[in-house]
Amino acid sequence: MSNVRAMELAICEIFNPHMHGQNDDSSPGITSHFLVHSAIDLEEFYDLSFTDIIRMLRDGYHAYLAVWGDRMEHHPIVRNYENIIRGNSYIKLDIVVLDELEGYEAVGYMKTHWIRLIQRRWKTVFKERKRIIQARARPSSMRYRETHGCWPKGLGTLPAFRLGLHR
């Protein structure tokens, strides 16, 4: 792999040799990559013009499924490819690291997945913090703190947001 660039906004689709074509000049292993359809700059992002591209691609996939649905070839790697491309969230804007393979295909490595994991973790931490703060606001908790100099058991510390494998 060569020409790795910084993270960018892009609209990607799973490479499908039956749809996109594959020949001797194609990079080996291209079937396991996300093909970058369009890289989106900030101007396109702010004026929402990228939504036209998404709409056009989704319409193309719906037409493809209407014609080939019953006779569609299976994807060589992705088992539930047909279900994925039928979904409304298949074609969307993602944060990706762009790369160009040996066969000059523009591919993207998704980074949006990690952002979703961070959001999910923060949501859990925030919910627990909110619960603790509400419990501290109870008169019985405040009285306990006045009497003992510390919060009741389980209310002593607010959970911190930590990234890592262990919670």
C-alpha atoms as a PDB file:
ATOM      1  CA  MET A   1       0.000   0.000   0.000  1.00  0.00           C
ATOM      2  CA  SER A   2       1.150   3.483  -0.750  1.00  0.00           C
ATOM      3  CA  ASN A   3       0.114   7.120  -0.570  1.00  0.00           C
ATOM      4  CA  VAL A   4      -1.652   6.855   2.815  1.00  0.00           C
ATOM      5  CA  ARG A   5      -3.215  10.203   3.694  1.00  0.00           C
ATOM      6  CA  ALA A   6      -4.848  11.820   6.701  1.00  0.00           C
ATOM      7  CA  MET A   7      -8.426  11.208   7.754  1.00  0.00           C
ATOM      8  CA  GLU A   8     -11.078  12.660   5.484  1.00  0.00           C
ATOM      9  CA  LEU A   9     -14.815  12.618   4.927  1.00  0.00           C
ATOM     10  CA  ALA A  10     -15.834  10.229   2.159  1.00  0.00           C
ATOM     11  CA  ILE A  11     -18.701   8.226   0.758  1.00  0.00           C
ATOM     12  CA  CYS A  12     -17.666   4.583   0.402  1.00  0.00           C
ATOM     13  CA  GLU A  13     -19.158   1.330  -0.810  1.00  0.00           C
ATOM     14  CA  ILE A  14     -18.072  -2.285  -0.490  1.00  0.00           C
ATOM     15  CA  PHE A  15     -16.146  -3.352  -3.588  1.00  0.00           C
ATOM     16  CA  ASN A  16     -18.169  -5.896  -5.515  1.00  0.00           C
ATOM     17  CA  PRO A  17     -16.419  -7.506  -8.506  1.00  0.00           C
ATOM     18  CA  HIS A  18     -19.789  -8.241 -10.149  1.00  0.00           C
ATOM     19  CA  MET A  19     -20.829  -4.616  -9.944  1.00  0.00           C
ATOM     20  CA  HIS A  20     -17.567  -2.678 -10.186  1.00  0.00           C
ATOM     21  CA  GLY A  21     -15.665  -5.091 -12.383  1.00  0.00           C
ATOM     22  CA  GLN A  22     -12.374  -6.810 -11.690  1.00  0.00           C
ATOM     23  CA  ASN A  23      -9.589  -7.547 -14.163  1.00  0.00           C
ATOM     24  CA  ASP A  24      -5.893  -8.455 -14.229  1.00  0.00           C
ATOM     25  CA  ASP A  25      -4.931  -4.848 -13.381  1.00  0.00           C
ATOM     26  CA  SER A  26      -7.021  -4.886 -10.177  1.00  0.00           C
ATOM     27  CA  SER A  27      -5.149  -5.003  -6.888  1.00  0.00           C
ATOM     28  CA  PRO A  28      -5.062  -8.368  -5.145  1.00  0.00           C
ATOM     29  CA  GLY A  29      -7.490  -8.431  -2.238  1.00  0.00           C
ATOM     30  CA  ILE A  30      -9.565  -5.526  -3.562  1.00  0.00           C
ATOM     31  CA  THR A  31     -12.750  -7.472  -2.702  1.00  0.00           C
ATOM     32  CA  SER A  32     -12.064  -6.936   1.006  1.00  0.00           C
ATOM     33  CA  HIS A  33     -11.923  -3.135   0.753  1.00  0.00           C
ATOM     34  CA  PHE A  34     -14.290  -0.195   0.804  1.00  0.00           C
ATOM     35  CA  LEU A  35     -14.131   1.642  -2.506  1.00  0.00           C
ATOM     36  CA  VAL A  36     -14.152   5.434  -2.137  1.00  0.00           C
ATOM     37  CA  HIS A  37     -16.862   6.843  -4.352  1.00  0.00           C
ATOM     38  CA  SER A  38     -16.391  10.501  -3.367  1.00  0.00           C
ATOM     39  CA  ALA A  39     -14.129  12.393  -1.014  1.00  0.00           C
ATOM     40  CA  ILE A  40     -16.069  15.273   0.537  1.00  0.00           C
ATOM     41  CA  ASP A  41     -14.425  18.609   1.294  1.00  0.00           C
ATOM     42  CA  LEU A  42     -15.628  20.959   4.024  1.00  0.00           C
ATOM     43  CA  GLU A  43     -17.538  23.196   1.623  1.00  0.00           C
ATOM     44  CA  GLU A  44     -19.573  20.229   0.347  1.00  0.00           C
ATOM     45  CA  PHE A  45     -20.101  19.107   3.931  1.00  0.00           C
ATOM     46  CA  TYR A  46     -21.401  22.474   5.140  1.00  0.00           C
ATOM     47  CA  ASP A  47     -23.683  23.134   2.155  1.00  0.00           C
ATOM     48  CA  LEU A  48     -24.949  19.507   2.314  1.00  0.00           C
ATOM     49  CA  SER A  49     -24.367  18.948  -1.406  1.00  0.00           C
ATOM     50  CA  PHE A  50     -22.973  15.488  -0.607  1.00  0.00           C
ATOM     51  CA  THR A  51     -26.541  14.341   0.150  1.00  0.00           C
ATOM     52  CA  ASP A  52     -27.236  14.386  -3.616  1.00  0.00           C
ATOM     53  CA  ILE A  53     -24.399  11.886  -4.121  1.00  0.00           C
ATOM     54  CA  ILE A  54     -25.766   9.639  -1.373  1.00  0.00           C
ATOM     55  CA  ARG A  55     -29.278   9.799  -2.847  1.00  0.00           C
ATOM     56  CA  MET A  56     -27.958   8.968  -6.338  1.00  0.00           C
ATOM     57  CA  LEU A  57     -25.948   5.973  -5.059  1.00  0.00           C
ATOM     58  CA  ARG A  58     -28.852   4.639  -2.987  1.00  0.00           C
ATOM     59  CA  ASP A  59     -31.158   4.951  -6.002  1.00  0.00           C
ATOM     60  CA  GLY A  60     -28.564   3.065  -8.073  1.00  0.00           C
ATOM     61  CA  TYR A  61     -28.406   0.245  -5.532  1.00  0.00           C
ATOM     62  CA  HIS A  62     -32.204   0.018  -5.372  1.00  0.00           C
ATOM     63  CA  ALA A  63     -32.326  -0.208  -9.187  1.00  0.00           C
ATOM     64  CA  TYR A  64     -29.557  -2.839  -9.136  1.00  0.00           C
ATOM     65  CA  LEU A  65     -31.522  -4.888  -6.598  1.00  0.00           C
ATOM     66  CA  ALA A  66     -34.741  -4.493  -8.591  1.00  0.00           C
ATOM     67  CA  VAL A  67     -33.059  -5.925 -11.688  1.00  0.00           C
ATOM     68  CA  TRP A  68     -30.665  -8.481 -10.177  1.00  0.00           C
ATOM     69  CA  GLY A  69     -32.215  -9.182  -6.737  1.00  0.00           C
ATOM     70  CA  ASP A  70     -33.181 -12.824  -7.345  1.00  0.00           C
ATOM     71  CA  ARG A  71     -30.223 -13.593  -9.620  1.00  0.00           C
ATOM     72  CA  MET A  72     -27.611 -11.558  -7.755  1.00  0.00           C
ATOM     73  CA  GLU A  73     -24.193 -13.175  -7.487  1.00  0.00           C
ATOM     74  CA  HIS A  74     -22.903 -13.702  -3.953  1.00  0.00           C
ATOM     75  CA  HIS A  75     -20.126 -11.439  -2.751  1.00  0.00           C
ATOM     76  CA  PRO A  76     -16.853 -13.415  -2.501  1.00  0.00           C
ATOM     77  CA  ILE A  77     -16.202 -12.299   1.101  1.00  0.00           C
ATOM     78  CA  VAL A  78     -19.229 -10.568   2.659  1.00  0.00           C
ATOM     79  CA  ARG A  79     -21.859 -13.193   3.462  1.00  0.00           C
ATOM     80  CA  ASN A  80     -24.815 -10.871   4.072  1.00  0.00           C
ATOM     81  CA  TYR A  81     -23.927  -8.422   1.288  1.00  0.00           C
ATOM     82  CA  GLU A  82     -27.488  -8.253  -0.058  1.00  0.00           C
ATOM     83  CA  ASN A  83     -28.887  -7.336   3.378  1.00  0.00           C
ATOM     84  CA  ILE A  84     -26.196  -4.700   3.836  1.00  0.00           C
ATOM     85  CA  ILE A  85     -26.869  -2.952   0.527  1.00  0.00           C
ATOM     86  CA  ARG A  86     -30.629  -3.044   1.149  1.00  0.00           C
ATOM     87  CA  GLY A  87     -30.189  -1.105   4.409  1.00  0.00           C
ATOM     88  CA  ASN A  88     -30.781   2.645   4.548  1.00  0.00           C
ATOM     89  CA  SER A  89     -27.533   3.213   6.415  1.00  0.00           C
ATOM     90  CA  TYR A  90     -25.314   1.507   3.824  1.00  0.00           C
ATOM     91  CA  ILE A  91     -24.372   4.557   1.767  1.00  0.00           C
ATOM     92  CA  LYS A  92     -23.446   7.332   4.186  1.00  0.00           C
ATOM     93  CA  LEU A  93     -20.761   9.833   5.012  1.00  0.00           C
ATOM     94  CA  ASP A  94     -17.870   8.268   6.922  1.00  0.00           C
ATOM     95  CA  ILE A  95     -14.566   9.342   8.380  1.00  0.00           C
ATOM     96  CA  VAL A  96     -11.914   7.345   6.532  1.00  0.00           C
ATOM     97  CA  VAL A  97      -8.204   7.152   5.905  1.00  0.00           C
ATOM     98  CA  LEU A  98      -7.808   7.242   2.129  1.00  0.00           C
ATOM     99  CA  ASP A  99      -5.354   4.967   0.400  1.00  0.00           C
ATOM    100  CA  GLU A 100      -4.499   4.070  -3.168  1.00  0.00           C
ATOM    101  CA  LEU A 101      -3.785   0.432  -3.959  1.00  0.00           C
ATOM    102  CA  GLU A 102      -1.339  -0.909  -6.567  1.00  0.00           C
ATOM    103  CA  GLY A 103      -4.129  -1.093  -9.175  1.00  0.00           C
ATOM    104  CA  TYR A 104      -4.860   2.637  -8.603  1.00  0.00           C
ATOM    105  CA  GLU A 105      -8.117   1.953  -6.758  1.00  0.00           C
ATOM    106  CA  ALA A 106      -9.026   4.531  -4.138  1.00  0.00           C
ATOM    107  CA  VAL A 107     -10.018   2.716  -0.949  1.00  0.00           C
ATOM    108  CA  GLY A 108     -10.938   3.918   2.508  1.00  0.00           C
ATOM    109  CA  TYR A 109     -10.314   2.471   5.940  1.00  0.00           C
ATOM    110  CA  MET A 110     -13.305   3.330   8.143  1.00  0.00           C
ATOM    111  CA  LYS A 111     -12.648   5.264  11.322  1.00  0.00           C
ATOM    112  CA  THR A 112     -16.290   6.124  12.072  1.00  0.00           C
ATOM    113  CA  HIS A 113     -16.650   2.801  13.897  1.00  0.00           C
ATOM    114  CA  TRP A 114     -14.267   3.944  16.645  1.00  0.00           C
ATOM    115  CA  ILE A 115     -16.141   7.202  17.088  1.00  0.00           C
ATOM    116  CA  ARG A 116     -19.350   5.235  17.641  1.00  0.00           C
ATOM    117  CA  LEU A 117     -17.608   3.102  20.287  1.00  0.00           C
ATOM    118  CA  ILE A 118     -16.365   6.242  22.060  1.00  0.00           C
ATOM    119  CA  GLN A 119     -19.855   7.756  21.951  1.00  0.00           C
ATOM    120  CA  ARG A 120     -21.373   4.582  23.381  1.00  0.00           C
ATOM    121  CA  ARG A 121     -18.814   4.495  26.203  1.00  0.00           C
ATOM    122  CA  TRP A 122     -19.325   8.184  27.000  1.00  0.00           C
ATOM    123  CA  LYS A 123     -23.104   7.698  27.047  1.00  0.00           C
ATOM    124  CA  THR A 124     -22.700   4.956  29.670  1.00  0.00           C
ATOM    125  CA  VAL A 125     -20.349   7.090  31.795  1.00  0.00           C
ATOM    126  CA  PHE A 126     -22.624  10.133  31.505  1.00  0.00           C
ATOM    127  CA  LYS A 127     -25.687   8.114  32.544  1.00  0.00           C
ATOM    128  CA  GLU A 128     -23.862   6.807  35.636  1.00  0.00           C
ATOM    129  CA  ARG A 129     -22.622  10.317  36.542  1.00  0.00           C
ATOM    130  CA  LYS A 130     -26.158  11.645  36.235  1.00  0.00           C
ATOM    131  CA  ARG A 131     -27.456   8.873  38.515  1.00  0.00           C
ATOM    132  CA  ILE A 132     -24.805   9.620  41.154  1.00  0.00           C
ATOM    133  CA  ILE A 133     -25.437  13.386  41.060  1.00  0.00           C
ATOM    134  CA  GLN A 134     -29.193  12.821  41.464  1.00  0.00           C
ATOM    135  CA  ALA A 135     -28.549  10.445  44.380  1.00  0.00           C
ATOM    136  CA  ARG A 136     -26.225  13.004  46.029  1.00  0.00           C
ATOM    137  CA  ALA A 137     -28.976  15.628  45.779  1.00  0.00           C
ATOM    138  CA  ARG A 138     -31.293  13.579  48.023  1.00  0.00           C
ATOM    139  CA  PRO A 139     -31.662  15.016  51.530  1.00  0.00           C
ATOM    140  CA  SER A 140     -30.652  11.693  53.091  1.00  0.00           C
ATOM    141  CA  SER A 141     -27.361  11.671  51.139  1.00  0.00           C
ATOM    142  CA  MET A 142     -26.606  15.270  52.102  1.00  0.00           C
ATOM    143  CA  ARG A 143     -27.373  14.516  55.767  1.00  0.00           C
ATOM    144  CA  TYR A 144     -25.061  11.465  55.606  1.00  0.00           C
ATOM    145  CA  ARG A 145     -22.275  13.647  54.190  1.00  0.00           C
ATOM    146  CA  GLU A 146     -22.760  16.295  56.904  1.00  0.00           C
ATOM    147  CA  THR A 147     -22.602  13.653  59.607  1.00  0.00           C
ATOM    148  CA  HIS A 148     -19.810  11.406  58.299  1.00  0.00           C
ATOM    149  CA  GLY A 149     -17.743  13.786  56.139  1.00  0.00           C
ATOM    150  CA  CYS A 150     -18.101  11.632  53.024  1.00  0.00           C
ATOM    151  CA  TRP A 151     -20.776  10.550  50.606  1.00  0.00           C
ATOM    152  CA  PRO A 152     -22.715   7.332  51.194  1.00  0.00           C
ATOM    153  CA  LYS A 153     -21.316   4.133  49.740  1.00  0.00           C
ATOM    154  CA  GLY A 154     -21.405   4.127  45.920  1.00  0.00           C
ATOM    155  CA  LEU A 155     -21.671   7.915  45.647  1.00  0.00           C
ATOM    156  CA  GLY A 156     -18.095   8.828  46.550  1.00  0.00           C
ATOM    157  CA  THR A 157     -16.593   9.246  43.100  1.00  0.00           C
ATOM    158  CA  LEU A 158     -17.922  10.108  39.682  1.00  0.00           C
ATOM    159  CA  PRO A 159     -16.903   7.642  36.979  1.00  0.00           C
ATOM    160  CA  ALA A 160     -14.197   8.893  34.623  1.00  0.00           C
ATOM    161  CA  PHE A 161     -14.119   8.516  30.890  1.00  0.00           C
ATOM    162  CA  ARG A 162     -11.250   6.201  30.043  1.00  0.00           C
ATOM    163  CA  LEU A 163     -10.441   4.642  26.724  1.00  0.00           C
ATOM    164  CA  GLY A 164      -8.987   1.222  26.878  1.00  0.00           C
ATOM    165  CA  LEU A 165      -9.758  -2.448  26.790  1.00  0.00           C
ATOM    166  CA  HIS A 166     -10.658  -2.641  30.463  1.00  0.00           C
ATOM    167  CA  ARG A 167     -13.550  -0.779  32.057  1.00  0.00           C
END
